[in-house]
């Protein structure tokens, strides 16, 4: 018996509309990309953008889903119980992300946070003239021979 042949054509996937993260698209909702929104159940979700006229959120566990389709403005969002969180929560999220990256770098050899590799400018008033001698630290007294190593 000859082997069966598969159907011709197969599944056809349509083009996905890209996520719009422009300020103009997010203006009716009163938010920006990566804003934190508290949901009616108390879970905090992150704003991804607008796709097909709906605001999309990323829930904990990397689950992506839109707001209810009737919530088209900031007032509608608040009526459904979706509330934008204050700016200090964004700062706390950045601190937490940085600490997680530092932990991954120190204990698992992962990449460090971006700011860890930045070359910061010298403070104002610090003289960086190459001809000046370096000031040596004060000589430490010798350790006693009985001190542990």
N, C-alpha and C. Protein backbone atom coordinates (compact mmCIF):
# COMPACT_ATOMS: atom_id res chain seq x y z
N UNK A 1 0.84 -1.17 0.00
CA UNK A 1 0.00 0.00 0.00
C UNK A 1 0.90 1.24 0.00
N UNK A 2 0.68 2.17 -0.93
CA UNK A 2 1.53 3.37 -1.00
C UNK A 2 1.28 4.28 0.21
N UNK A 3 2.32 5.04 0.61
CA UNK A 3 2.14 5.95 1.75
C UNK A 3 1.16 7.07 1.41
N UNK A 4 0.45 7.53 2.45
CA UNK A 4 -0.53 8.59 2.24
C UNK A 4 0.18 9.92 2.07
N UNK A 5 -0.37 10.72 1.21
CA UNK A 5 0.19 12.04 0.99
C UNK A 5 -0.59 13.05 1.81
N UNK A 6 0.13 14.06 2.29
CA UNK A 6 -0.52 15.11 3.08
C UNK A 6 -1.38 16.01 2.21
N UNK A 7 -2.24 16.74 2.85
CA UNK A 7 -3.10 17.67 2.12
C UNK A 7 -2.26 18.80 1.55
N UNK A 8 -2.66 19.25 0.40
CA UNK A 8 -1.94 20.35 -0.22
C UNK A 8 -2.38 21.67 0.41
N UNK A 9 -1.44 22.54 0.56
CA UNK A 9 -1.75 23.88 1.08
C UNK A 9 -1.48 23.99 2.57
N UNK A 10 -1.96 23.07 3.35
CA UNK A 10 -1.74 23.11 4.80
C UNK A 10 -2.46 24.29 5.44
N UNK A 11 -2.08 24.58 6.68
CA UNK A 11 -2.71 25.70 7.39
C UNK A 11 -2.13 27.01 6.89
N UNK A 12 -3.00 27.95 6.69
CA UNK A 12 -2.55 29.26 6.25
C UNK A 12 -2.70 30.22 7.42
N UNK A 13 -1.61 30.88 7.73
CA UNK A 13 -1.62 31.85 8.82
C UNK A 13 -1.64 33.24 8.22
N UNK A 14 -2.53 34.06 8.73
CA UNK A 14 -2.61 35.43 8.27
C UNK A 14 -1.52 36.28 8.91
N UNK A 15 -1.30 37.44 8.36
CA UNK A 15 -0.30 38.34 8.93
C UNK A 15 -0.85 38.93 10.22
N UNK A 16 0.01 38.96 11.22
CA UNK A 16 -0.39 39.55 12.49
C UNK A 16 -0.14 41.05 12.44
N UNK A 17 -1.09 41.78 12.98
CA UNK A 17 -0.93 43.22 13.06
C UNK A 17 0.07 43.52 14.17
N UNK A 18 1.06 44.38 13.90
CA UNK A 18 2.06 44.65 14.94
C UNK A 18 1.46 45.45 16.11
N UNK A 19 2.07 45.30 17.27
CA UNK A 19 1.64 46.01 18.47
C UNK A 19 2.05 47.47 18.34
N UNK A 20 1.10 48.38 18.50
CA UNK A 20 1.37 49.81 18.40
C UNK A 20 1.66 50.36 19.80
N UNK A 21 2.88 50.86 20.00
CA UNK A 21 3.27 51.40 21.30
C UNK A 21 3.47 52.91 21.26
N UNK A 22 2.98 53.56 20.23
CA UNK A 22 3.17 55.01 20.11
C UNK A 22 2.33 55.74 21.15
N UNK A 23 2.79 56.93 21.57
CA UNK A 23 2.01 57.71 22.53
C UNK A 23 0.62 58.07 22.01
N UNK A 24 0.50 58.24 20.70
CA UNK A 24 -0.79 58.59 20.11
C UNK A 24 -1.80 57.45 20.27
N UNK A 25 -1.35 56.22 20.11
CA UNK A 25 -2.25 55.07 20.24
C UNK A 25 -2.64 54.83 21.70
N UNK A 26 -1.73 55.12 22.63
CA UNK A 26 -2.00 54.87 24.05
C UNK A 26 -2.65 56.06 24.75
N UNK A 27 -2.77 57.19 24.06
CA UNK A 27 -3.31 58.41 24.68
C UNK A 27 -4.73 58.23 25.24
N UNK A 28 -5.66 57.57 24.55
CA UNK A 28 -7.01 57.43 25.13
C UNK A 28 -7.02 56.66 26.45
N UNK A 29 -6.05 55.78 26.63
CA UNK A 29 -5.99 54.98 27.85
C UNK A 29 -5.23 55.68 28.97
N UNK A 30 -4.53 56.76 28.64
CA UNK A 30 -3.79 57.51 29.64
C UNK A 30 -2.59 56.76 30.20
N UNK A 31 -1.95 55.97 29.37
CA UNK A 31 -0.79 55.21 29.85
C UNK A 31 0.28 55.14 28.76
N UNK A 32 1.42 54.58 29.14
CA UNK A 32 2.56 54.44 28.24
C UNK A 32 3.02 52.98 28.28
N UNK A 33 3.88 52.57 27.33
CA UNK A 33 4.38 51.20 27.39
C UNK A 33 5.11 50.94 28.71
N UNK A 34 4.98 49.74 29.22
CA UNK A 34 5.58 49.29 30.49
C UNK A 34 4.97 49.94 31.72
N UNK A 35 3.86 50.65 31.59
CA UNK A 35 3.16 51.15 32.77
C UNK A 35 2.57 49.96 33.52
N UNK A 36 2.38 50.15 34.81
CA UNK A 36 1.82 49.09 35.63
C UNK A 36 0.37 49.43 35.93
N UNK A 37 -0.51 48.46 35.71
CA UNK A 37 -1.94 48.65 35.93
C UNK A 37 -2.42 47.57 36.90
N UNK A 38 -3.15 48.02 37.94
CA UNK A 38 -3.73 47.06 38.87
C UNK A 38 -5.09 46.65 38.35
N UNK A 39 -5.32 45.35 38.32
CA UNK A 39 -6.56 44.80 37.78
C UNK A 39 -7.61 44.69 38.88
N UNK A 40 -8.86 44.42 38.52
CA UNK A 40 -9.90 44.31 39.53
C UNK A 40 -9.64 43.20 40.56
N UNK A 41 -8.87 42.19 40.19
CA UNK A 41 -8.56 41.10 41.12
C UNK A 41 -7.35 41.40 42.00
N UNK A 42 -6.70 42.56 41.78
CA UNK A 42 -5.54 42.93 42.58
C UNK A 42 -4.21 42.56 41.98
N UNK A 43 -4.22 41.90 40.83
CA UNK A 43 -2.98 41.52 40.16
C UNK A 43 -2.44 42.72 39.40
N UNK A 44 -1.12 42.89 39.41
CA UNK A 44 -0.51 44.00 38.67
C UNK A 44 -0.02 43.49 37.32
N UNK A 45 -0.47 44.15 36.25
CA UNK A 45 -0.10 43.78 34.89
C UNK A 45 0.66 44.93 34.24
N UNK A 46 1.42 44.62 33.19
CA UNK A 46 2.23 45.60 32.48
C UNK A 46 1.61 45.89 31.12
N UNK A 47 1.58 47.17 30.74
CA UNK A 47 1.03 47.58 29.44
C UNK A 47 2.01 47.20 28.33
N UNK A 48 1.50 46.53 27.30
CA UNK A 48 2.31 46.16 26.14
C UNK A 48 2.11 47.14 24.99
N UNK A 49 0.86 47.45 24.67
CA UNK A 49 0.55 48.34 23.56
C UNK A 49 -0.89 48.14 23.11
N UNK A 50 -1.19 48.69 21.92
CA UNK A 50 -2.53 48.60 21.35
C UNK A 50 -2.47 47.77 20.08
N UNK A 51 -3.39 46.81 19.98
CA UNK A 51 -3.48 45.99 18.78
C UNK A 51 -4.96 45.83 18.44
N UNK A 52 -5.32 46.17 17.22
CA UNK A 52 -6.70 46.10 16.74
C UNK A 52 -7.66 46.89 17.64
N UNK A 53 -7.18 48.02 18.17
CA UNK A 53 -8.02 48.89 18.98
C UNK A 53 -8.17 48.49 20.43
N UNK A 54 -7.53 47.41 20.86
CA UNK A 54 -7.61 46.96 22.25
C UNK A 54 -6.26 47.13 22.93
N UNK A 55 -6.30 47.51 24.21
CA UNK A 55 -5.09 47.64 25.01
C UNK A 55 -4.69 46.25 25.51
N UNK A 56 -3.43 45.88 25.28
CA UNK A 56 -2.94 44.57 25.68
C UNK A 56 -2.07 44.70 26.92
N UNK A 57 -2.25 43.75 27.84
CA UNK A 57 -1.48 43.71 29.08
C UNK A 57 -0.70 42.40 29.16
N UNK A 58 0.41 42.46 29.87
CA UNK A 58 1.18 41.24 30.16
C UNK A 58 1.01 40.94 31.64
N UNK A 59 0.43 39.79 31.92
CA UNK A 59 0.14 39.37 33.28
C UNK A 59 1.32 38.60 33.84
N UNK A 60 1.38 38.39 35.15
CA UNK A 60 2.45 37.56 35.70
C UNK A 60 2.42 36.17 35.05
N UNK A 61 3.60 35.65 34.79
CA UNK A 61 3.70 34.37 34.08
C UNK A 61 3.79 34.57 32.58
N UNK A 62 4.03 35.80 32.13
CA UNK A 62 4.16 36.15 30.70
C UNK A 62 2.91 35.81 29.90
N UNK A 63 1.76 35.96 30.50
CA UNK A 63 0.50 35.75 29.79
C UNK A 63 0.07 37.10 29.22
N UNK A 64 -0.23 37.13 27.93
CA UNK A 64 -0.62 38.37 27.25
C UNK A 64 -2.09 38.29 26.88
N UNK A 65 -2.84 39.32 27.26
CA UNK A 65 -4.28 39.33 26.97
C UNK A 65 -4.76 40.78 26.89
N UNK A 66 -5.83 41.03 26.12
CA UNK A 66 -6.35 42.40 26.02
C UNK A 66 -7.27 42.73 27.18
N UNK A 67 -7.49 44.03 27.35
CA UNK A 67 -8.52 44.50 28.29
C UNK A 67 -9.88 44.13 27.72
N UNK A 68 -10.94 44.24 28.50
CA UNK A 68 -12.27 44.03 27.92
C UNK A 68 -12.48 44.95 26.72
N UNK A 69 -13.13 44.44 25.69
CA UNK A 69 -13.24 45.19 24.43
C UNK A 69 -14.04 46.49 24.59
N UNK A 70 -14.85 46.61 25.63
CA UNK A 70 -15.62 47.84 25.83
C UNK A 70 -14.81 48.93 26.51
N UNK A 71 -13.67 48.62 27.06
CA UNK A 71 -12.82 49.62 27.72
C UNK A 71 -11.96 50.31 26.67
N UNK A 72 -12.43 51.43 26.17
CA UNK A 72 -11.72 52.15 25.11
C UNK A 72 -11.10 53.45 25.59
N UNK A 73 -11.40 53.89 26.81
CA UNK A 73 -10.84 55.13 27.36
C UNK A 73 -10.37 54.87 28.79
N UNK A 74 -9.71 55.89 29.36
CA UNK A 74 -9.24 55.77 30.73
C UNK A 74 -10.42 55.64 31.70
N UNK A 75 -11.49 56.38 31.44
CA UNK A 75 -12.68 56.31 32.30
C UNK A 75 -13.31 54.92 32.24
N UNK A 76 -13.36 54.34 31.04
CA UNK A 76 -13.90 52.98 30.91
C UNK A 76 -13.04 51.97 31.66
N UNK A 77 -11.71 52.14 31.57
CA UNK A 77 -10.81 51.24 32.29
C UNK A 77 -11.07 51.30 33.79
N UNK A 78 -11.20 52.52 34.31
CA UNK A 78 -11.42 52.67 35.74
C UNK A 78 -12.79 52.14 36.14
N UNK A 79 -13.78 52.25 35.24
CA UNK A 79 -15.10 51.70 35.54
C UNK A 79 -15.05 50.18 35.65
N UNK A 80 -14.18 49.55 34.87
CA UNK A 80 -14.01 48.10 34.95
C UNK A 80 -13.08 47.68 36.09
N UNK A 81 -12.41 48.65 36.73
CA UNK A 81 -11.55 48.34 37.86
C UNK A 81 -10.07 48.27 37.53
N UNK A 82 -9.67 48.73 36.35
CA UNK A 82 -8.26 48.75 35.97
C UNK A 82 -7.70 50.13 36.31
N UNK A 83 -6.74 50.19 37.24
CA UNK A 83 -6.23 51.47 37.74
C UNK A 83 -4.73 51.55 37.48
N UNK A 84 -4.30 52.68 36.90
CA UNK A 84 -2.87 52.90 36.66
C UNK A 84 -2.18 53.15 38.00
N UNK A 85 -1.02 52.53 38.18
CA UNK A 85 -0.29 52.62 39.44
C UNK A 85 0.62 53.86 39.45
N UNK A 86 0.99 54.36 40.64
CA UNK A 86 1.82 55.57 40.74
C UNK A 86 3.25 55.35 40.24
N UNK A 87 3.95 56.45 39.94
CA UNK A 87 5.31 56.34 39.37
C UNK A 87 6.32 55.64 40.28
N UNK A 88 6.15 55.74 41.60
CA UNK A 88 7.15 55.11 42.47
C UNK A 88 7.19 53.60 42.27
N UNK A 89 6.10 53.01 41.83
CA UNK A 89 6.08 51.57 41.61
C UNK A 89 6.95 51.18 40.41
N UNK A 90 7.07 52.08 39.42
CA UNK A 90 7.95 51.83 38.27
C UNK A 90 9.41 51.83 38.73
N UNK A 91 9.74 52.76 39.64
CA UNK A 91 11.11 52.83 40.15
C UNK A 91 11.43 51.55 40.93
N UNK A 92 10.48 51.11 41.75
CA UNK A 92 10.69 49.88 42.53
C UNK A 92 10.88 48.68 41.60
N UNK A 93 10.12 48.64 40.50
CA UNK A 93 10.26 47.54 39.55
C UNK A 93 11.66 47.54 38.94
N UNK A 94 12.17 48.75 38.60
CA UNK A 94 13.51 48.84 38.02
C UNK A 94 14.57 48.37 39.01
N UNK A 95 14.40 48.74 40.28
CA UNK A 95 15.35 48.30 41.31
C UNK A 95 15.31 46.78 41.44
N UNK A 96 14.11 46.21 41.46
CA UNK A 96 13.97 44.76 41.58
C UNK A 96 14.59 44.03 40.39
N UNK A 97 14.38 44.57 39.17
CA UNK A 97 14.96 43.95 37.97
C UNK A 97 16.48 44.00 38.03
N UNK A 98 17.02 45.13 38.49
CA UNK A 98 18.47 45.27 38.60
C UNK A 98 19.04 44.27 39.62
N UNK A 99 18.37 44.13 40.76
CA UNK A 99 18.84 43.19 41.77
C UNK A 99 18.80 41.75 41.26
N UNK A 100 17.77 41.43 40.49
CA UNK A 100 17.68 40.08 39.92
C UNK A 100 18.82 39.83 38.94
N UNK A 101 19.14 40.83 38.10
CA UNK A 101 20.25 40.68 37.16
C UNK A 101 21.59 40.55 37.88
N UNK A 102 21.78 41.33 38.95
CA UNK A 102 23.02 41.22 39.72
C UNK A 102 23.16 39.83 40.34
N UNK A 103 22.07 39.31 40.87
CA UNK A 103 22.09 37.96 41.45
C UNK A 103 22.45 36.93 40.38
N UNK A 104 21.81 37.03 39.20
CA UNK A 104 22.09 36.09 38.12
C UNK A 104 23.55 36.19 37.67
N UNK A 105 24.09 37.43 37.66
CA UNK A 105 25.47 37.62 37.23
C UNK A 105 26.45 37.02 38.24
N UNK A 106 26.22 37.27 39.51
CA UNK A 106 27.16 36.83 40.54
C UNK A 106 27.15 35.32 40.74
N UNK A 107 25.99 34.71 40.72
CA UNK A 107 25.90 33.31 41.09
C UNK A 107 25.75 32.35 39.90
N UNK A 108 25.32 32.86 38.75
CA UNK A 108 25.11 31.97 37.61
C UNK A 108 25.84 32.42 36.35
N UNK A 109 26.64 33.49 36.43
CA UNK A 109 27.41 33.94 35.28
C UNK A 109 26.58 34.59 34.19
N UNK A 110 25.41 35.09 34.52
CA UNK A 110 24.55 35.74 33.54
C UNK A 110 25.01 37.15 33.23
N UNK A 111 24.35 37.83 32.31
CA UNK A 111 24.72 39.21 32.00
C UNK A 111 24.34 40.14 33.15
N UNK A 112 25.16 41.15 33.37
CA UNK A 112 24.88 42.11 34.43
C UNK A 112 23.96 43.20 33.96
N UNK A 113 23.51 44.05 34.87
CA UNK A 113 22.66 45.17 34.47
C UNK A 113 23.43 46.16 33.61
N UNK A 114 22.72 46.91 32.79
CA UNK A 114 23.37 47.83 31.86
C UNK A 114 24.22 48.86 32.59
N UNK A 115 23.70 49.42 33.67
CA UNK A 115 24.41 50.50 34.34
C UNK A 115 25.69 50.02 35.01
N UNK A 116 25.86 48.71 35.21
CA UNK A 116 27.07 48.21 35.85
C UNK A 116 28.28 48.37 34.93
N UNK A 117 28.07 48.43 33.63
CA UNK A 117 29.18 48.54 32.69
C UNK A 117 29.39 49.98 32.20
N UNK A 118 28.61 50.92 32.70
CA UNK A 118 28.72 52.30 32.22
C UNK A 118 29.95 52.98 32.82
N UNK A 119 30.61 53.80 32.02
CA UNK A 119 31.71 54.61 32.51
C UNK A 119 31.13 55.96 32.90
N UNK A 120 31.06 56.22 34.18
CA UNK A 120 30.49 57.47 34.66
C UNK A 120 31.55 58.56 34.61
N UNK A 121 31.14 59.83 34.39
CA UNK A 121 32.11 60.91 34.36
C UNK A 121 32.69 61.16 35.76
N UNK A 122 33.89 61.73 35.78
CA UNK A 122 34.53 62.04 37.06
C UNK A 122 33.75 63.16 37.75
N UNK A 123 33.72 63.18 39.07
CA UNK A 123 33.00 64.24 39.77
C UNK A 123 33.60 65.60 39.48
N UNK A 124 32.77 66.62 39.58
CA UNK A 124 33.23 67.98 39.31
C UNK A 124 34.27 68.38 40.36
N UNK A 125 35.36 68.97 39.91
CA UNK A 125 36.41 69.40 40.82
C UNK A 125 37.51 68.36 41.02
N UNK A 126 37.34 67.16 40.51
CA UNK A 126 38.35 66.12 40.65
C UNK A 126 39.42 66.37 39.60
N UNK A 127 40.65 66.49 40.05
CA UNK A 127 41.75 66.80 39.13
C UNK A 127 42.28 65.50 38.53
N UNK A 128 42.23 65.41 37.22
CA UNK A 128 42.71 64.20 36.54
C UNK A 128 44.01 64.46 35.78
N UNK A 129 44.80 65.42 36.24
CA UNK A 129 46.06 65.73 35.58
C UNK A 129 47.00 64.53 35.72
N UNK A 130 47.57 64.02 34.60
CA UNK A 130 48.38 62.81 34.69
C UNK A 130 49.71 63.00 35.40
N UNK A 131 50.23 64.23 35.57
CA UNK A 131 51.55 64.44 36.15
C UNK A 131 51.57 64.42 37.67
N UNK A 132 50.43 64.43 38.33
CA UNK A 132 50.43 64.47 39.79
C UNK A 132 50.76 63.10 40.37
N UNK A 133 51.54 63.07 41.48
CA UNK A 133 51.85 61.78 42.09
C UNK A 133 50.63 61.24 42.86
N UNK A 134 50.54 59.94 42.90
CA UNK A 134 49.45 59.30 43.65
C UNK A 134 49.78 59.34 45.13
N UNK A 135 48.78 59.54 45.95
CA UNK A 135 48.97 59.55 47.39
C UNK A 135 48.86 58.10 47.87
N UNK A 136 49.93 57.61 48.50
CA UNK A 136 49.96 56.22 48.96
C UNK A 136 49.16 56.10 50.25
N UNK A 137 48.44 55.02 50.43
CA UNK A 137 47.73 54.84 51.70
C UNK A 137 48.72 54.66 52.84
N UNK A 138 48.30 55.02 54.03
CA UNK A 138 49.18 54.91 55.20
C UNK A 138 49.61 53.45 55.37
N UNK A 139 50.87 53.28 55.74
CA UNK A 139 51.39 51.92 55.90
C UNK A 139 50.71 51.26 57.09
N UNK A 140 50.25 50.06 56.88
CA UNK A 140 49.57 49.33 57.94
C UNK A 140 50.62 48.63 58.82
N UNK A 141 50.33 48.54 60.10
CA UNK A 141 51.28 47.82 60.96
C UNK A 141 51.27 46.33 60.60
N UNK A 142 52.38 45.65 60.81
CA UNK A 142 52.42 44.22 60.46
C UNK A 142 51.46 43.42 61.34
N UNK A 143 50.91 42.35 60.76
CA UNK A 143 49.99 41.49 61.50
C UNK A 143 50.76 40.63 62.49
N UNK A 144 50.17 40.37 63.63
CA UNK A 144 50.85 39.46 64.57
C UNK A 144 50.96 38.06 63.96
N UNK A 145 52.01 37.35 64.32
CA UNK A 145 52.23 36.01 63.76
C UNK A 145 51.18 35.02 64.22
N UNK A 146 50.51 35.33 65.32
CA UNK A 146 49.49 34.42 65.85
C UNK A 146 48.12 34.67 65.25
N UNK A 147 47.98 35.69 64.42
CA UNK A 147 46.68 36.01 63.82
C UNK A 147 46.31 34.97 62.77
N UNK A 148 45.02 34.61 62.69
CA UNK A 148 44.61 33.65 61.65
C UNK A 148 44.72 34.27 60.26
N UNK A 149 44.91 33.43 59.28
CA UNK A 149 45.05 33.93 57.91
C UNK A 149 43.76 34.00 57.20
